[in-house]
Amino acid sequence: MRSLEECIEACLNCLKACEICATKCIEMGEKDHADCIKACRDCADICNLCLKWLSRQSAFAEDLCELCARICEACAKECDKHADMHEHCRRCAEACRRCAEVCK
């Protein structure tokens, strides 16, 4: 795991990207984006929790960061399926990969 500040920033950026991506996918109303929305919501939730635990220097933050990295990787894979068609999915996948890299 990298520096505390770097991890917090990556989680915050990923949280934002996931919320934007999920919202835009919902607005589009396409049924084939359901898995993307679910992945983004899961990822946003874990990133939010992770940045809180990192900020308070929880004794369990490192364990949570490992789970966060796995969920971010899964979300990036899902968003990659739509990245060629939707800029928000491309940006989300990038933020997820960055967060996974930093949180490992």
PDB file of N, CA and C in Angstrom:
ATOM      1  N   MET A   1       0.848  -1.178   0.000  1.00  0.00           N
ATOM      2  CA  MET A   1       0.000   0.000   0.000  1.00  0.00           C
ATOM      3  C   MET A   1       0.891   1.237   0.000  1.00  0.00           C
ATOM      4  N   ARG A   2       0.469   2.222  -0.734  1.00  0.00           N
ATOM      5  CA  ARG A   2       1.245   3.462  -0.823  1.00  0.00           C
ATOM      6  C   ARG A   2       0.937   4.369   0.355  1.00  0.00           C
ATOM      7  N   SER A   3       1.302   5.637   0.236  1.00  0.00           N
ATOM      8  CA  SER A   3       1.106   6.568   1.342  1.00  0.00           C
ATOM      9  C   SER A   3      -0.378   6.725   1.668  1.00  0.00           C
ATOM     10  N   LEU A   4      -0.637   7.063   2.896  1.00  0.00           N
ATOM     11  CA  LEU A   4      -1.996   7.244   3.381  1.00  0.00           C
ATOM     12  C   LEU A   4      -2.743   8.267   2.539  1.00  0.00           C
ATOM     13  N   GLU A   5      -2.119   9.400   2.283  1.00  0.00           N
ATOM     14  CA  GLU A   5      -2.757  10.470   1.514  1.00  0.00           C
ATOM     15  C   GLU A   5      -3.079  10.021   0.092  1.00  0.00           C
ATOM     16  N   GLU A   6      -2.174   9.269  -0.504  1.00  0.00           N
ATOM     17  CA  GLU A   6      -2.371   8.786  -1.866  1.00  0.00           C
ATOM     18  C   GLU A   6      -3.549   7.805  -1.925  1.00  0.00           C
ATOM     19  N   CYS A   7      -3.655   6.961  -0.922  1.00  0.00           N
ATOM     20  CA  CYS A   7      -4.766   6.006  -0.865  1.00  0.00           C
ATOM     21  C   CYS A   7      -6.099   6.725  -0.674  1.00  0.00           C
ATOM     22  N   ILE A   8      -6.128   7.685   0.213  1.00  0.00           N
ATOM     23  CA  ILE A   8      -7.355   8.449   0.453  1.00  0.00           C
ATOM     24  C   ILE A   8      -7.784   9.170  -0.820  1.00  0.00           C
ATOM     25  N   GLU A   9      -6.846   9.800  -1.498  1.00  0.00           N
ATOM     26  CA  GLU A   9      -7.156  10.521  -2.737  1.00  0.00           C
ATOM     27  C   GLU A   9      -7.672   9.569  -3.819  1.00  0.00           C
ATOM     28  N   ALA A  10      -7.046   8.407  -3.954  1.00  0.00           N
ATOM     29  CA  ALA A  10      -7.478   7.429  -4.956  1.00  0.00           C
ATOM     30  C   ALA A  10      -8.885   6.919  -4.647  1.00  0.00           C
ATOM     31  N   CYS A  11      -9.168   6.673  -3.375  1.00  0.00           N
ATOM     32  CA  CYS A  11     -10.506   6.223  -2.983  1.00  0.00           C
ATOM     33  C   CYS A  11     -11.551   7.299  -3.261  1.00  0.00           C
ATOM     34  N   LEU A  12     -11.224   8.534  -2.965  1.00  0.00           N
ATOM     35  CA  LEU A  12     -12.155   9.638  -3.202  1.00  0.00           C
ATOM     36  C   LEU A  12     -12.425   9.811  -4.693  1.00  0.00           C
ATOM     37  N   ASN A  13     -11.384   9.770  -5.499  1.00  0.00           N
ATOM     38  CA  ASN A  13     -11.550   9.901  -6.949  1.00  0.00           C
ATOM     39  C   ASN A  13     -12.372   8.748  -7.517  1.00  0.00           C
ATOM     40  N   CYS A  14     -12.128   7.562  -7.022  1.00  0.00           N
ATOM     41  CA  CYS A  14     -12.862   6.386  -7.483  1.00  0.00           C
ATOM     42  C   CYS A  14     -14.328   6.473  -7.056  1.00  0.00           C
ATOM     43  N   LEU A  15     -14.560   6.877  -5.834  1.00  0.00           N
ATOM     44  CA  LEU A  15     -15.922   7.061  -5.336  1.00  0.00           C
ATOM     45  C   LEU A  15     -16.699   8.007  -6.244  1.00  0.00           C
ATOM     46  N   LYS A  16     -16.102   9.137  -6.568  1.00  0.00           N
ATOM     47  CA  LYS A  16     -16.758  10.121  -7.440  1.00  0.00           C
ATOM     48  C   LYS A  16     -17.043   9.532  -8.818  1.00  0.00           C
ATOM     49  N   ALA A  17     -16.044   8.894  -9.400  1.00  0.00           N
ATOM     50  CA  ALA A  17     -16.200   8.330 -10.746  1.00  0.00           C
ATOM     51  C   ALA A  17     -17.291   7.260 -10.771  1.00  0.00           C
ATOM     52  N   CYS A  18     -17.346   6.439  -9.737  1.00  0.00           N
ATOM     53  CA  CYS A  18     -18.359   5.383  -9.671  1.00  0.00           C
ATOM     54  C   CYS A  18     -19.763   5.959  -9.518  1.00  0.00           C
ATOM     55  N   GLU A  19     -19.901   6.974  -8.701  1.00  0.00           N
ATOM     56  CA  GLU A  19     -21.215   7.606  -8.524  1.00  0.00           C
ATOM     57  C   GLU A  19     -21.686   8.242  -9.829  1.00  0.00           C
ATOM     58  N   ILE A  20     -20.781   8.912 -10.523  1.00  0.00           N
ATOM     59  CA  ILE A  20     -21.122   9.534 -11.808  1.00  0.00           C
ATOM     60  C   ILE A  20     -21.504   8.469 -12.825  1.00  0.00           C
ATOM     61  N   CYS A  21     -20.714   7.426 -12.911  1.00  0.00           N
ATOM     62  CA  CYS A  21     -20.969   6.359 -13.876  1.00  0.00           C
ATOM     63  C   CYS A  21     -22.311   5.683 -13.600  1.00  0.00           C
ATOM     64  N   ALA A  22     -22.565   5.327 -12.364  1.00  0.00           N
ATOM     65  CA  ALA A  22     -23.831   4.671 -12.021  1.00  0.00           C
ATOM     66  C   ALA A  22     -25.016   5.575 -12.348  1.00  0.00           C
ATOM     67  N   THR A  23     -24.910   6.843 -12.012  1.00  0.00           N
ATOM     68  CA  THR A  23     -25.994   7.791 -12.277  1.00  0.00           C
ATOM     69  C   THR A  23     -26.262   7.923 -13.768  1.00  0.00           C
ATOM     70  N   LYS A  24     -25.207   8.065 -14.549  1.00  0.00           N
ATOM     71  CA  LYS A  24     -25.382   8.202 -16.004  1.00  0.00           C
ATOM     72  C   LYS A  24     -25.953   6.927 -16.618  1.00  0.00           C
ATOM     73  N   CYS A  25     -25.514   5.775 -16.128  1.00  0.00           N
ATOM     74  CA  CYS A  25     -26.057   4.507 -16.634  1.00  0.00           C
ATOM     75  C   CYS A  25     -27.542   4.380 -16.303  1.00  0.00           C
ATOM     76  N   ILE A  26     -27.929   4.801 -15.109  1.00  0.00           N
ATOM     77  CA  ILE A  26     -29.340   4.777 -14.719  1.00  0.00           C
ATOM     78  C   ILE A  26     -30.143   5.713 -15.615  1.00  0.00           C
ATOM     79  N   GLU A  27     -29.612   6.906 -15.847  1.00  0.00           N
ATOM     80  CA  GLU A  27     -30.300   7.886 -16.690  1.00  0.00           C
ATOM     81  C   GLU A  27     -30.507   7.370 -18.110  1.00  0.00           C
ATOM     82  N   MET A  28     -29.561   6.584 -18.616  1.00  0.00           N
ATOM     83  CA  MET A  28     -29.670   6.045 -19.969  1.00  0.00           C
ATOM     84  C   MET A  28     -30.761   4.979 -20.051  1.00  0.00           C
ATOM     85  N   GLY A  29     -31.013   4.301 -18.951  1.00  0.00           N
ATOM     86  CA  GLY A  29     -32.083   3.321 -18.889  1.00  0.00           C
ATOM     87  C   GLY A  29     -31.857   2.046 -19.680  1.00  0.00           C
ATOM     88  N   GLU A  30     -30.627   1.752 -20.026  1.00  0.00           N
ATOM     89  CA  GLU A  30     -30.338   0.543 -20.793  1.00  0.00           C
ATOM     90  C   GLU A  30     -30.186  -0.647 -19.846  1.00  0.00           C
ATOM     91  N   LYS A  31     -30.939  -1.702 -20.112  1.00  0.00           N
ATOM     92  CA  LYS A  31     -30.941  -2.865 -19.225  1.00  0.00           C
ATOM     93  C   LYS A  31     -29.608  -3.598 -19.206  1.00  0.00           C
ATOM     94  N   ASP A  32     -28.850  -3.504 -20.284  1.00  0.00           N
ATOM     95  CA  ASP A  32     -27.566  -4.218 -20.320  1.00  0.00           C
ATOM     96  C   ASP A  32     -26.496  -3.533 -19.469  1.00  0.00           C
ATOM     97  N   HIS A  33     -26.844  -2.412 -18.841  1.00  0.00           N
ATOM     98  CA  HIS A  33     -25.912  -1.716 -17.955  1.00  0.00           C
ATOM     99  C   HIS A  33     -26.161  -2.029 -16.476  1.00  0.00           C
ATOM    100  N   ALA A  34     -27.073  -2.946 -16.196  1.00  0.00           N
ATOM    101  CA  ALA A  34     -27.422  -3.256 -14.804  1.00  0.00           C
ATOM    102  C   ALA A  34     -26.215  -3.737 -14.004  1.00  0.00           C
ATOM    103  N   ASP A  35     -25.396  -4.597 -14.588  1.00  0.00           N
ATOM    104  CA  ASP A  35     -24.219  -5.097 -13.873  1.00  0.00           C
ATOM    105  C   ASP A  35     -23.204  -3.988 -13.634  1.00  0.00           C
ATOM    106  N   CYS A  36     -23.113  -3.063 -14.564  1.00  0.00           N
ATOM    107  CA  CYS A  36     -22.210  -1.916 -14.409  1.00  0.00           C
ATOM    108  C   CYS A  36     -22.670  -1.043 -13.236  1.00  0.00           C
ATOM    109  N   ILE A  37     -23.962  -0.802 -13.174  1.00  0.00           N
ATOM    110  CA  ILE A  37     -24.521   0.009 -12.085  1.00  0.00           C
ATOM    111  C   ILE A  37     -24.255  -0.659 -10.735  1.00  0.00           C
ATOM    112  N   LYS A  38     -24.507  -1.953 -10.656  1.00  0.00           N
ATOM    113  CA  LYS A  38     -24.270  -2.686  -9.404  1.00  0.00           C
ATOM    114  C   LYS A  38     -22.800  -2.633  -9.001  1.00  0.00           C
ATOM    115  N   ALA A  39     -21.921  -2.845  -9.967  1.00  0.00           N
ATOM    116  CA  ALA A  39     -20.481  -2.817  -9.676  1.00  0.00           C
ATOM    117  C   ALA A  39     -20.053  -1.438  -9.195  1.00  0.00           C
ATOM    118  N   CYS A  40     -20.562  -0.406  -9.849  1.00  0.00           N
ATOM    119  CA  CYS A  40     -20.215   0.965  -9.455  1.00  0.00           C
ATOM    120  C   CYS A  40     -20.722   1.293  -8.058  1.00  0.00           C
ATOM    121  N   ARG A  41     -21.914   0.842  -7.740  1.00  0.00           N
ATOM    122  CA  ARG A  41     -22.469   1.114  -6.411  1.00  0.00           C
ATOM    123  C   ARG A  41     -21.665   0.393  -5.329  1.00  0.00           C
ATOM    124  N   ASP A  42     -21.319  -0.871  -5.585  1.00  0.00           N
ATOM    125  CA  ASP A  42     -20.482  -1.613  -4.631  1.00  0.00           C
ATOM    126  C   ASP A  42     -19.135  -0.928  -4.452  1.00  0.00           C
ATOM    127  N   CYS A  43     -18.552  -0.526  -5.563  1.00  0.00           N
ATOM    128  CA  CYS A  43     -17.230   0.091  -5.526  1.00  0.00           C
ATOM    129  C   CYS A  43     -17.274   1.435  -4.799  1.00  0.00           C
ATOM    130  N   ALA A  44     -18.288   2.237  -5.087  1.00  0.00           N
ATOM    131  CA  ALA A  44     -18.424   3.528  -4.410  1.00  0.00           C
ATOM    132  C   ALA A  44     -18.559   3.334  -2.902  1.00  0.00           C
ATOM    133  N   ASP A  45     -19.351   2.355  -2.505  1.00  0.00           N
ATOM    134  CA  ASP A  45     -19.552   2.100  -1.074  1.00  0.00           C
ATOM    135  C   ASP A  45     -18.257   1.680  -0.382  1.00  0.00           C
ATOM    136  N   ILE A  46     -17.510   0.761  -1.001  1.00  0.00           N
ATOM    137  CA  ILE A  46     -16.277   0.287  -0.358  1.00  0.00           C
ATOM    138  C   ILE A  46     -15.226   1.395  -0.341  1.00  0.00           C
ATOM    139  N   CYS A  47     -15.167   2.204  -1.383  1.00  0.00           N
ATOM    140  CA  CYS A  47     -14.210   3.321  -1.405  1.00  0.00           C
ATOM    141  C   CYS A  47     -14.541   4.343  -0.326  1.00  0.00           C
ATOM    142  N   ASN A  48     -15.825   4.603  -0.129  1.00  0.00           N
ATOM    143  CA  ASN A  48     -16.245   5.541   0.906  1.00  0.00           C
ATOM    144  C   ASN A  48     -15.835   5.034   2.288  1.00  0.00           C
ATOM    145  N   LEU A  49     -16.094   3.769   2.547  1.00  0.00           N
ATOM    146  CA  LEU A  49     -15.714   3.181   3.834  1.00  0.00           C
ATOM    147  C   LEU A  49     -14.194   3.169   3.997  1.00  0.00           C
ATOM    148  N   CYS A  50     -13.506   2.817   2.939  1.00  0.00           N
ATOM    149  CA  CYS A  50     -12.047   2.739   2.986  1.00  0.00           C
ATOM    150  C   CYS A  50     -11.430   4.105   3.295  1.00  0.00           C
ATOM    151  N   LEU A  51     -11.915   5.147   2.638  1.00  0.00           N
ATOM    152  CA  LEU A  51     -11.317   6.457   2.911  1.00  0.00           C
ATOM    153  C   LEU A  51     -11.609   6.920   4.330  1.00  0.00           C
ATOM    154  N   LYS A  52     -12.753   6.534   4.878  1.00  0.00           N
ATOM    155  CA  LYS A  52     -13.054   6.854   6.280  1.00  0.00           C
ATOM    156  C   LYS A  52     -12.095   6.129   7.218  1.00  0.00           C
ATOM    157  N   TRP A  53     -11.905   4.828   6.980  1.00  0.00           N
ATOM    158  CA  TRP A  53     -11.024   4.046   7.851  1.00  0.00           C
ATOM    159  C   TRP A  53      -9.586   4.505   7.727  1.00  0.00           C
ATOM    160  N   LEU A  54      -9.179   4.854   6.521  1.00  0.00           N
ATOM    161  CA  LEU A  54      -7.818   5.367   6.336  1.00  0.00           C
ATOM    162  C   LEU A  54      -7.644   6.700   7.051  1.00  0.00           C
ATOM    163  N   SER A  55      -8.647   7.556   6.960  1.00  0.00           N
ATOM    164  CA  SER A  55      -8.573   8.882   7.581  1.00  0.00           C
ATOM    165  C   SER A  55      -8.447   8.802   9.092  1.00  0.00           C
ATOM    166  N   ARG A  56      -9.110   7.814   9.681  1.00  0.00           N
ATOM    167  CA  ARG A  56      -9.024   7.673  11.141  1.00  0.00           C
ATOM    168  C   ARG A  56      -7.928   6.705  11.558  1.00  0.00           C
ATOM    169  N   GLN A  57      -7.178   6.203  10.575  1.00  0.00           N
ATOM    170  CA  GLN A  57      -6.070   5.275  10.788  1.00  0.00           C
ATOM    171  C   GLN A  57      -6.519   4.042  11.576  1.00  0.00           C
ATOM    172  N   SER A  58      -7.609   3.466  11.108  1.00  0.00           N
ATOM    173  CA  SER A  58      -8.144   2.250  11.718  1.00  0.00           C
ATOM    174  C   SER A  58      -7.117   1.123  11.648  1.00  0.00           C
ATOM    175  N   ALA A  59      -7.109   0.308  12.673  1.00  0.00           N
ATOM    176  CA  ALA A  59      -6.206  -0.847  12.705  1.00  0.00           C
ATOM    177  C   ALA A  59      -6.555  -1.853  11.609  1.00  0.00           C
ATOM    178  N   PHE A  60      -7.762  -1.773  11.073  1.00  0.00           N
ATOM    179  CA  PHE A  60      -8.217  -2.708  10.047  1.00  0.00           C
ATOM    180  C   PHE A  60      -8.206  -2.110   8.643  1.00  0.00           C
ATOM    181  N   ALA A  61      -7.694  -0.911   8.504  1.00  0.00           N
ATOM    182  CA  ALA A  61      -7.711  -0.221   7.207  1.00  0.00           C
ATOM    183  C   ALA A  61      -6.971  -0.998   6.127  1.00  0.00           C
ATOM    184  N   GLU A  62      -5.848  -1.570   6.469  1.00  0.00           N
ATOM    185  CA  GLU A  62      -5.071  -2.300   5.464  1.00  0.00           C
ATOM    186  C   GLU A  62      -5.843  -3.514   4.945  1.00  0.00           C
ATOM    187  N   ASP A  63      -6.529  -4.215   5.842  1.00  0.00           N
ATOM    188  CA  ASP A  63      -7.352  -5.353   5.423  1.00  0.00           C
ATOM    189  C   ASP A  63      -8.476  -4.896   4.496  1.00  0.00           C
ATOM    190  N   LEU A  64      -9.098  -3.793   4.854  1.00  0.00           N
ATOM    191  CA  LEU A  64     -10.184  -3.264   4.034  1.00  0.00           C
ATOM    192  C   LEU A  64      -9.666  -2.802   2.674  1.00  0.00           C
ATOM    193  N   CYS A  65      -8.473  -2.243   2.650  1.00  0.00           N
ATOM    194  CA  CYS A  65      -7.881  -1.790   1.389  1.00  0.00           C
ATOM    195  C   CYS A  65      -7.677  -2.952   0.417  1.00  0.00           C
ATOM    196  N   GLU A  66      -7.340  -4.112   0.931  1.00  0.00           N
ATOM    197  CA  GLU A  66      -7.182  -5.287   0.067  1.00  0.00           C
ATOM    198  C   GLU A  66      -8.510  -5.659  -0.585  1.00  0.00           C
ATOM    199  N   LEU A  67      -9.577  -5.641   0.195  1.00  0.00           N
ATOM    200  CA  LEU A  67     -10.903  -5.914  -0.350  1.00  0.00           C
ATOM    201  C   LEU A  67     -11.303  -4.820  -1.340  1.00  0.00           C
ATOM    202  N   CYS A  68     -11.018  -3.587  -0.994  1.00  0.00           N
ATOM    203  CA  CYS A  68     -11.315  -2.455  -1.871  1.00  0.00           C
ATOM    204  C   CYS A  68     -10.632  -2.639  -3.225  1.00  0.00           C
ATOM    205  N   ALA A  69      -9.393  -3.046  -3.215  1.00  0.00           N
ATOM    206  CA  ALA A  69      -8.651  -3.254  -4.464  1.00  0.00           C
ATOM    207  C   ALA A  69      -9.326  -4.318  -5.323  1.00  0.00           C
ATOM    208  N   ARG A  70      -9.788  -5.395  -4.710  1.00  0.00           N
ATOM    209  CA  ARG A  70     -10.462  -6.464  -5.465  1.00  0.00           C
ATOM    210  C   ARG A  70     -11.771  -5.976  -6.078  1.00  0.00           C
ATOM    211  N   ILE A  71     -12.522  -5.215  -5.310  1.00  0.00           N
ATOM    212  CA  ILE A  71     -13.793  -4.698  -5.809  1.00  0.00           C
ATOM    213  C   ILE A  71     -13.555  -3.669  -6.908  1.00  0.00           C
ATOM    214  N   CYS A  72     -12.535  -2.847  -6.749  1.00  0.00           N
ATOM    215  CA  CYS A  72     -12.184  -1.866  -7.786  1.00  0.00           C
ATOM    216  C   CYS A  72     -11.794  -2.561  -9.088  1.00  0.00           C
ATOM    217  N   GLU A  73     -11.045  -3.634  -8.987  1.00  0.00           N
ATOM    218  CA  GLU A  73     -10.650  -4.383 -10.184  1.00  0.00           C
ATOM    219  C   GLU A  73     -11.877  -4.960 -10.887  1.00  0.00           C
ATOM    220  N   ALA A  74     -12.814  -5.486 -10.120  1.00  0.00           N
ATOM    221  CA  ALA A  74     -14.039  -6.045 -10.698  1.00  0.00           C
ATOM    222  C   ALA A  74     -14.870  -4.955 -11.370  1.00  0.00           C
ATOM    223  N   CYS A  75     -14.943  -3.797 -10.744  1.00  0.00           N
ATOM    224  CA  CYS A  75     -15.701  -2.684 -11.314  1.00  0.00           C
ATOM    225  C   CYS A  75     -15.041  -2.196 -12.604  1.00  0.00           C
ATOM    226  N   ALA A  76     -13.731  -2.118 -12.608  1.00  0.00           N
ATOM    227  CA  ALA A  76     -13.011  -1.694 -13.818  1.00  0.00           C
ATOM    228  C   ALA A  76     -13.310  -2.641 -14.974  1.00  0.00           C
ATOM    229  N   LYS A  77     -13.331  -3.935 -14.704  1.00  0.00           N
ATOM    230  CA  LYS A  77     -13.643  -4.926 -15.746  1.00  0.00           C
ATOM    231  C   LYS A  77     -15.039  -4.706 -16.308  1.00  0.00           C
ATOM    232  N   GLU A  78     -15.972  -4.451 -15.423  1.00  0.00           N
ATOM    233  CA  GLU A  78     -17.356  -4.243 -15.858  1.00  0.00           C
ATOM    234  C   GLU A  78     -17.484  -2.948 -16.666  1.00  0.00           C
ATOM    235  N   CYS A  79     -16.877  -1.888 -16.192  1.00  0.00           N
ATOM    236  CA  CYS A  79     -16.956  -0.604 -16.904  1.00  0.00           C
ATOM    237  C   CYS A  79     -16.228  -0.658 -18.245  1.00  0.00           C
ATOM    238  N   ASP A  80     -15.181  -1.456 -18.320  1.00  0.00           N
ATOM    239  CA  ASP A  80     -14.451  -1.607 -19.584  1.00  0.00           C
ATOM    240  C   ASP A  80     -15.350  -2.130 -20.705  1.00  0.00           C
ATOM    241  N   LYS A  81     -16.379  -2.874 -20.358  1.00  0.00           N
ATOM    242  CA  LYS A  81     -17.293  -3.418 -21.365  1.00  0.00           C
ATOM    243  C   LYS A  81     -18.018  -2.316 -22.133  1.00  0.00           C
ATOM    244  N   HIS A  82     -18.157  -1.147 -21.499  1.00  0.00           N
ATOM    245  CA  HIS A  82     -18.894  -0.038 -22.103  1.00  0.00           C
ATOM    246  C   HIS A  82     -18.000   1.171 -22.390  1.00  0.00           C
ATOM    247  N   ALA A  83     -16.722   1.035 -22.114  1.00  0.00           N
ATOM    248  CA  ALA A  83     -15.802   2.180 -22.196  1.00  0.00           C
ATOM    249  C   ALA A  83     -15.683   2.762 -23.601  1.00  0.00           C
ATOM    250  N   ASP A  84     -15.818   1.927 -24.619  1.00  0.00           N
ATOM    251  CA  ASP A  84     -15.732   2.433 -25.991  1.00  0.00           C
ATOM    252  C   ASP A  84     -16.944   3.271 -26.372  1.00  0.00           C
ATOM    253  N   MET A  85     -18.064   3.023 -25.715  1.00  0.00           N
ATOM    254  CA  MET A  85     -19.305   3.729 -26.045  1.00  0.00           C
ATOM    255  C   MET A  85     -19.592   4.917 -25.131  1.00  0.00           C
ATOM    256  N   HIS A  86     -19.078   4.848 -23.897  1.00  0.00           N
ATOM    257  CA  HIS A  86     -19.443   5.863 -22.909  1.00  0.00           C
ATOM    258  C   HIS A  86     -18.205   6.380 -22.173  1.00  0.00           C
ATOM    259  N   GLU A  87     -18.007   7.664 -22.252  1.00  0.00           N
ATOM    260  CA  GLU A  87     -16.860   8.307 -21.605  1.00  0.00           C
ATOM    261  C   GLU A  87     -16.885   8.094 -20.089  1.00  0.00           C
ATOM    262  N   HIS A  88     -18.058   8.158 -19.489  1.00  0.00           N
ATOM    263  CA  HIS A  88     -18.148   7.993 -18.033  1.00  0.00           C
ATOM    264  C   HIS A  88     -17.709   6.595 -17.608  1.00  0.00           C
ATOM    265  N   CYS A  89     -17.968   5.592 -18.427  1.00  0.00           N
ATOM    266  CA  CYS A  89     -17.506   4.233 -18.111  1.00  0.00           C
ATOM    267  C   CYS A  89     -15.986   4.135 -18.250  1.00  0.00           C
ATOM    268  N   ARG A  90     -15.448   4.787 -19.264  1.00  0.00           N
ATOM    269  CA  ARG A  90     -13.993   4.785 -19.453  1.00  0.00           C
ATOM    270  C   ARG A  90     -13.302   5.451 -18.268  1.00  0.00           C
ATOM    271  N   ARG A  91     -13.809   6.606 -17.862  1.00  0.00           N
ATOM    272  CA  ARG A  91     -13.208   7.326 -16.727  1.00  0.00           C
ATOM    273  C   ARG A  91     -13.337   6.534 -15.431  1.00  0.00           C
ATOM    274  N   CYS A  92     -14.459   5.885 -15.260  1.00  0.00           N
ATOM    275  CA  CYS A  92     -14.668   5.086 -14.056  1.00  0.00           C
ATOM    276  C   CYS A  92     -13.690   3.916 -14.018  1.00  0.00           C
ATOM    277  N   ALA A  93     -13.540   3.239 -15.144  1.00  0.00           N
ATOM    278  CA  ALA A  93     -12.604   2.106 -15.204  1.00  0.00           C
ATOM    279  C   ALA A  93     -11.186   2.556 -14.867  1.00  0.00           C
ATOM    280  N   GLU A  94     -10.793   3.712 -15.379  1.00  0.00           N
ATOM    281  CA  GLU A  94      -9.454   4.248 -15.084  1.00  0.00           C
ATOM    282  C   GLU A  94      -9.296   4.542 -13.597  1.00  0.00           C
ATOM    283  N   ALA A  95     -10.295   5.195 -13.006  1.00  0.00           N
ATOM    284  CA  ALA A  95     -10.233   5.532 -11.575  1.00  0.00           C
ATOM    285  C   ALA A  95     -10.208   4.267 -10.719  1.00  0.00           C
ATOM    286  N   CYS A  96     -10.959   3.267 -11.132  1.00  0.00           N
ATOM    287  CA  CYS A  96     -10.984   2.000 -10.395  1.00  0.00           C
ATOM    288  C   CYS A  96      -9.634   1.294 -10.460  1.00  0.00           C
ATOM    289  N   ARG A  97      -9.040   1.268 -11.642  1.00  0.00           N
ATOM    290  CA  ARG A  97      -7.721   0.630 -11.775  1.00  0.00           C
ATOM    291  C   ARG A  97      -6.677   1.363 -10.937  1.00  0.00           C
ATOM    292  N   ARG A  98      -6.730   2.673 -10.944  1.00  0.00           N
ATOM    293  CA  ARG A  98      -5.787   3.475 -10.157  1.00  0.00           C
ATOM    294  C   ARG A  98      -5.970   3.190  -8.662  1.00  0.00           C
ATOM    295  N   CYS A  99      -7.201   3.161  -8.216  1.00  0.00           N
ATOM    296  CA  CYS A  99      -7.473   2.905  -6.804  1.00  0.00           C
ATOM    297  C   CYS A  99      -7.004   1.503  -6.414  1.00  0.00           C
ATOM    298  N   ALA A 100      -7.271   0.526  -7.263  1.00  0.00           N
ATOM    299  CA  ALA A 100      -6.836  -0.846  -6.980  1.00  0.00           C
ATOM    300  C   ALA A 100      -5.319  -0.914  -6.869  1.00  0.00           C
ATOM    301  N   GLU A 101      -4.644  -0.228  -7.761  1.00  0.00           N
ATOM    302  CA  GLU A 101      -3.176  -0.215  -7.758  1.00  0.00           C
ATOM    303  C   GLU A 101      -2.628   0.409  -6.475  1.00  0.00           C
ATOM    304  N   VAL A 102      -3.212   1.505  -6.068  1.00  0.00           N
ATOM    305  CA  VAL A 102      -2.742   2.233  -4.885  1.00  0.00           C
ATOM    306  C   VAL A 102      -3.089   1.489  -3.595  1.00  0.00           C
ATOM    307  N   CYS A 103      -4.238   0.833  -3.576  1.00  0.00           N
ATOM    308  CA  CYS A 103      -4.710   0.188  -2.347  1.00  0.00           C
ATOM    309  C   CYS A 103      -4.099  -1.185  -2.090  1.00  0.00           C
ATOM    310  N   LYS A 104      -3.438  -1.761  -3.073  1.00  0.00           N
ATOM    311  CA  LYS A 104      -2.855  -3.100  -2.877  1.00  0.00           C
ATOM    312  C   LYS A 104      -1.718  -3.067  -1.884  1.00  0.00           C
TER     313      LYS A 104
END
